Amino acid sequence: DRMTTGVRLQSNRGSFGRMPIIGRYNNTSNTAIGHNNCWIFTGLSSRGLIYHGLFGRWLADSVLRDEEGNIRDQFPEFDWWRKKPKQKT
């Protein structure tokens, strides 16, 4: 067996550089991932060498508590990557 395809993630650029993708992945589709308890941590870019420990600690704490409050307290923009519900007009 060999890998024939792959995905490279490009995160958004914020005021402090590339923004990581971190948090609980809310599986709303039965075809995506086979369970609903999935956490993601990617998109650090080259700053990952500096920040991986900090974000990793926040993520581990959130996984153990089973909630994202700790990440939200430390990094309010952490869920920038989630699709926001459309506003009703």
N, C-alpha and C. Protein backbone atom coordinates (compact mmCIF):
# COMPACT_ATOMS: atom_id res chain seq x y z
N ASP A 1 0.83 -1.18 0.00
CA ASP A 1 0.00 0.00 0.00
C ASP A 1 0.88 1.25 0.00
N ARG A 2 0.36 2.27 -0.65
CA ARG A 2 1.07 3.54 -0.65
C ARG A 2 0.07 4.68 -0.71
N MET A 3 0.48 5.82 -0.22
CA MET A 3 -0.37 6.99 -0.25
C MET A 3 -0.31 7.61 -1.65
N THR A 4 -1.46 7.87 -2.22
CA THR A 4 -1.48 8.48 -3.54
C THR A 4 -2.08 9.88 -3.54
N THR A 5 -2.70 10.26 -2.44
CA THR A 5 -3.25 11.61 -2.33
C THR A 5 -2.99 12.14 -0.93
N GLY A 6 -3.08 13.43 -0.78
CA GLY A 6 -2.90 14.06 0.52
C GLY A 6 -3.52 15.44 0.50
N VAL A 7 -3.58 16.05 1.65
CA VAL A 7 -4.18 17.37 1.78
C VAL A 7 -3.21 18.25 2.55
N ARG A 8 -2.98 19.43 2.05
CA ARG A 8 -2.17 20.42 2.77
C ARG A 8 -3.09 21.55 3.17
N LEU A 9 -3.05 21.89 4.42
CA LEU A 9 -3.92 22.91 4.96
C LEU A 9 -3.27 24.28 4.90
N GLN A 10 -4.02 25.27 4.52
CA GLN A 10 -3.56 26.66 4.53
C GLN A 10 -4.54 27.43 5.40
N SER A 11 -4.07 27.93 6.53
CA SER A 11 -4.97 28.64 7.43
C SER A 11 -5.02 30.13 7.07
N ASN A 12 -5.98 30.81 7.63
CA ASN A 12 -6.13 32.25 7.39
C ASN A 12 -5.02 33.03 8.06
N ARG A 13 -4.73 34.18 7.51
CA ARG A 13 -3.75 35.07 8.11
C ARG A 13 -4.49 36.09 8.97
N GLY A 14 -4.11 36.16 10.24
CA GLY A 14 -4.69 37.12 11.16
C GLY A 14 -3.70 38.24 11.42
N SER A 15 -3.98 39.05 12.39
CA SER A 15 -3.11 40.19 12.70
C SER A 15 -1.75 39.74 13.25
N PHE A 16 -1.66 38.51 13.76
CA PHE A 16 -0.41 38.00 14.29
C PHE A 16 0.17 36.88 13.43
N GLY A 17 -0.26 36.79 12.17
CA GLY A 17 0.23 35.74 11.28
C GLY A 17 -0.82 34.67 11.07
N ARG A 18 -0.38 33.52 10.62
CA ARG A 18 -1.31 32.41 10.35
C ARG A 18 -2.00 31.95 11.63
N MET A 19 -3.28 31.67 11.50
CA MET A 19 -4.08 31.25 12.64
C MET A 19 -4.19 29.72 12.65
N PRO A 20 -3.92 29.07 13.76
CA PRO A 20 -4.03 27.61 13.81
C PRO A 20 -5.48 27.16 13.76
N ILE A 21 -5.64 25.93 13.40
CA ILE A 21 -6.96 25.29 13.41
C ILE A 21 -6.93 24.34 14.60
N ILE A 22 -7.69 24.67 15.61
CA ILE A 22 -7.64 23.92 16.87
C ILE A 22 -9.04 23.87 17.48
N GLY A 23 -9.42 22.72 18.03
CA GLY A 23 -10.70 22.60 18.70
C GLY A 23 -11.43 21.31 18.36
N ARG A 24 -12.64 21.23 18.84
CA ARG A 24 -13.47 20.05 18.57
C ARG A 24 -14.05 20.16 17.17
N TYR A 25 -13.97 19.05 16.46
CA TYR A 25 -14.56 18.99 15.13
C TYR A 25 -15.96 18.44 15.28
N ASN A 26 -16.95 19.26 14.97
CA ASN A 26 -18.34 18.83 15.09
C ASN A 26 -18.75 18.10 13.83
N ASN A 27 -18.82 16.81 13.93
CA ASN A 27 -19.15 15.96 12.80
C ASN A 27 -20.65 16.01 12.55
N THR A 28 -21.05 16.66 11.48
CA THR A 28 -22.47 16.76 11.14
C THR A 28 -22.84 15.86 9.98
N SER A 29 -21.87 15.11 9.50
CA SER A 29 -22.11 14.23 8.37
C SER A 29 -21.71 12.81 8.73
N ASN A 30 -22.51 11.85 8.34
CA ASN A 30 -22.18 10.45 8.60
C ASN A 30 -21.05 9.95 7.71
N THR A 31 -20.73 10.68 6.65
CA THR A 31 -19.72 10.21 5.72
C THR A 31 -18.33 10.74 6.03
N ALA A 32 -18.21 11.76 6.87
CA ALA A 32 -16.91 12.39 7.12
C ALA A 32 -16.05 11.52 8.05
N ILE A 33 -16.37 11.50 9.29
CA ILE A 33 -15.61 10.76 10.30
C ILE A 33 -16.60 9.90 11.06
N GLY A 34 -16.21 8.70 11.39
CA GLY A 34 -17.13 7.74 11.96
C GLY A 34 -17.56 7.96 13.39
N HIS A 35 -17.11 9.00 14.05
CA HIS A 35 -17.54 9.26 15.42
C HIS A 35 -17.67 10.76 15.65
N ASN A 36 -18.27 11.13 16.78
CA ASN A 36 -18.52 12.55 17.03
C ASN A 36 -17.64 13.13 18.13
N ASN A 37 -16.55 12.46 18.48
CA ASN A 37 -15.63 12.97 19.49
C ASN A 37 -14.25 13.13 18.86
N CYS A 38 -14.13 14.11 17.99
CA CYS A 38 -12.89 14.31 17.25
C CYS A 38 -12.36 15.72 17.51
N TRP A 39 -11.09 15.82 17.85
CA TRP A 39 -10.43 17.10 18.08
C TRP A 39 -9.36 17.28 17.03
N ILE A 40 -9.16 18.53 16.56
CA ILE A 40 -8.15 18.78 15.54
C ILE A 40 -7.16 19.84 16.02
N PHE A 41 -5.96 19.73 15.48
CA PHE A 41 -4.88 20.66 15.83
C PHE A 41 -3.91 20.68 14.66
N THR A 42 -4.00 21.71 13.84
CA THR A 42 -3.16 21.80 12.64
C THR A 42 -3.07 23.26 12.20
N GLY A 43 -2.38 23.49 11.12
CA GLY A 43 -2.32 24.82 10.52
C GLY A 43 -1.43 25.81 11.26
N LEU A 44 -0.40 25.32 11.98
CA LEU A 44 0.46 26.24 12.72
C LEU A 44 1.48 26.95 11.83
N SER A 45 1.76 26.41 10.68
CA SER A 45 2.75 26.98 9.78
C SER A 45 4.12 26.96 10.47
N SER A 46 5.02 27.82 10.09
CA SER A 46 6.36 27.78 10.67
C SER A 46 6.40 28.19 12.13
N ARG A 47 5.40 28.90 12.59
CA ARG A 47 5.37 29.29 13.99
C ARG A 47 5.04 28.12 14.92
N GLY A 48 4.74 26.99 14.35
CA GLY A 48 4.49 25.80 15.15
C GLY A 48 5.68 25.42 16.01
N LEU A 49 6.88 25.73 15.55
CA LEU A 49 8.06 25.44 16.35
C LEU A 49 8.05 26.22 17.65
N ILE A 50 7.43 27.37 17.64
CA ILE A 50 7.37 28.21 18.83
C ILE A 50 6.13 27.90 19.66
N TYR A 51 4.99 27.79 19.02
CA TYR A 51 3.71 27.74 19.73
C TYR A 51 3.12 26.35 19.94
N HIS A 52 3.73 25.30 19.41
CA HIS A 52 3.11 23.98 19.50
C HIS A 52 2.87 23.56 20.95
N GLY A 53 3.78 23.86 21.85
CA GLY A 53 3.61 23.46 23.25
C GLY A 53 2.46 24.19 23.92
N LEU A 54 2.36 25.48 23.66
CA LEU A 54 1.30 26.29 24.25
C LEU A 54 -0.08 25.83 23.78
N PHE A 55 -0.26 25.75 22.45
CA PHE A 55 -1.55 25.31 21.92
C PHE A 55 -1.82 23.85 22.29
N GLY A 56 -0.79 23.03 22.30
CA GLY A 56 -0.96 21.63 22.68
C GLY A 56 -1.45 21.48 24.11
N ARG A 57 -0.91 22.31 25.00
CA ARG A 57 -1.36 22.28 26.40
C ARG A 57 -2.82 22.69 26.51
N TRP A 58 -3.20 23.75 25.80
CA TRP A 58 -4.60 24.19 25.83
C TRP A 58 -5.51 23.12 25.28
N LEU A 59 -5.10 22.49 24.17
CA LEU A 59 -5.94 21.45 23.58
C LEU A 59 -6.06 20.25 24.51
N ALA A 60 -4.95 19.80 25.09
CA ALA A 60 -5.00 18.65 25.99
C ALA A 60 -5.93 18.93 27.18
N ASP A 61 -5.85 20.12 27.73
CA ASP A 61 -6.72 20.49 28.84
C ASP A 61 -8.19 20.46 28.41
N SER A 62 -8.46 20.97 27.22
CA SER A 62 -9.83 20.98 26.72
C SER A 62 -10.35 19.57 26.48
N VAL A 63 -9.52 18.70 25.94
CA VAL A 63 -9.93 17.31 25.70
C VAL A 63 -10.24 16.63 27.03
N LEU A 64 -9.39 16.82 28.03
CA LEU A 64 -9.63 16.20 29.33
C LEU A 64 -10.89 16.73 30.00
N ARG A 65 -11.20 17.99 29.80
CA ARG A 65 -12.41 18.58 30.38
C ARG A 65 -13.64 18.38 29.50
N ASP A 66 -13.41 17.93 28.27
CA ASP A 66 -14.47 17.70 27.29
C ASP A 66 -15.24 18.99 26.96
N GLU A 67 -14.52 20.11 26.90
CA GLU A 67 -15.13 21.38 26.51
C GLU A 67 -14.02 22.34 26.08
N GLU A 68 -14.37 23.32 25.26
CA GLU A 68 -13.40 24.22 24.65
C GLU A 68 -13.21 25.53 25.41
N GLY A 69 -13.73 25.65 26.60
CA GLY A 69 -13.67 26.90 27.34
C GLY A 69 -12.25 27.39 27.58
N ASN A 70 -11.33 26.48 27.88
CA ASN A 70 -9.95 26.87 28.14
C ASN A 70 -9.31 27.50 26.89
N ILE A 71 -9.53 26.90 25.74
CA ILE A 71 -8.98 27.46 24.50
C ILE A 71 -9.61 28.83 24.24
N ARG A 72 -10.91 28.92 24.42
CA ARG A 72 -11.62 30.18 24.18
C ARG A 72 -11.12 31.28 25.10
N ASP A 73 -10.83 30.96 26.35
CA ASP A 73 -10.33 31.95 27.29
C ASP A 73 -8.96 32.47 26.89
N GLN A 74 -8.09 31.59 26.42
CA GLN A 74 -6.72 31.96 26.07
C GLN A 74 -6.59 32.54 24.67
N PHE A 75 -7.45 32.10 23.76
CA PHE A 75 -7.32 32.42 22.34
C PHE A 75 -8.73 32.63 21.76
N PRO A 76 -9.33 33.81 21.98
CA PRO A 76 -10.72 34.04 21.62
C PRO A 76 -11.04 33.80 20.14
N GLU A 77 -10.06 33.94 19.26
CA GLU A 77 -10.32 33.75 17.82
C GLU A 77 -10.13 32.30 17.40
N PHE A 78 -10.04 31.36 18.33
CA PHE A 78 -9.66 30.00 18.01
C PHE A 78 -10.61 29.30 17.03
N ASP A 79 -11.86 29.69 17.01
CA ASP A 79 -12.81 28.97 16.15
C ASP A 79 -13.12 29.72 14.84
N TRP A 80 -12.16 30.48 14.36
CA TRP A 80 -12.33 31.24 13.11
C TRP A 80 -12.66 30.32 11.95
N TRP A 81 -12.22 29.09 11.97
CA TRP A 81 -12.34 28.16 10.86
C TRP A 81 -13.71 27.51 10.76
N ARG A 82 -14.52 27.65 11.76
CA ARG A 82 -15.85 27.03 11.72
C ARG A 82 -16.79 27.84 10.85
N LYS A 83 -17.64 27.14 10.17
CA LYS A 83 -18.66 27.83 9.37
C LYS A 83 -19.66 28.46 10.32
N LYS A 84 -19.88 29.71 10.13
CA LYS A 84 -20.84 30.43 10.97
C LYS A 84 -22.22 30.28 10.36
N PRO A 85 -23.25 30.14 11.19
CA PRO A 85 -24.61 30.07 10.64
C PRO A 85 -24.96 31.38 9.92
N LYS A 86 -25.67 31.24 8.83
CA LYS A 86 -26.07 32.43 8.08
C LYS A 86 -27.09 33.22 8.87
N GLN A 87 -26.91 34.52 8.86
CA GLN A 87 -27.84 35.42 9.55
C GLN A 87 -29.14 35.51 8.76
N LYS A 88 -30.26 35.44 9.46
CA LYS A 88 -31.56 35.60 8.82
C LYS A 88 -31.83 37.09 8.66
N THR A 89 -32.28 37.47 7.48
CA THR A 89 -32.58 38.89 7.24
C THR A 89 -34.05 39.12 7.09
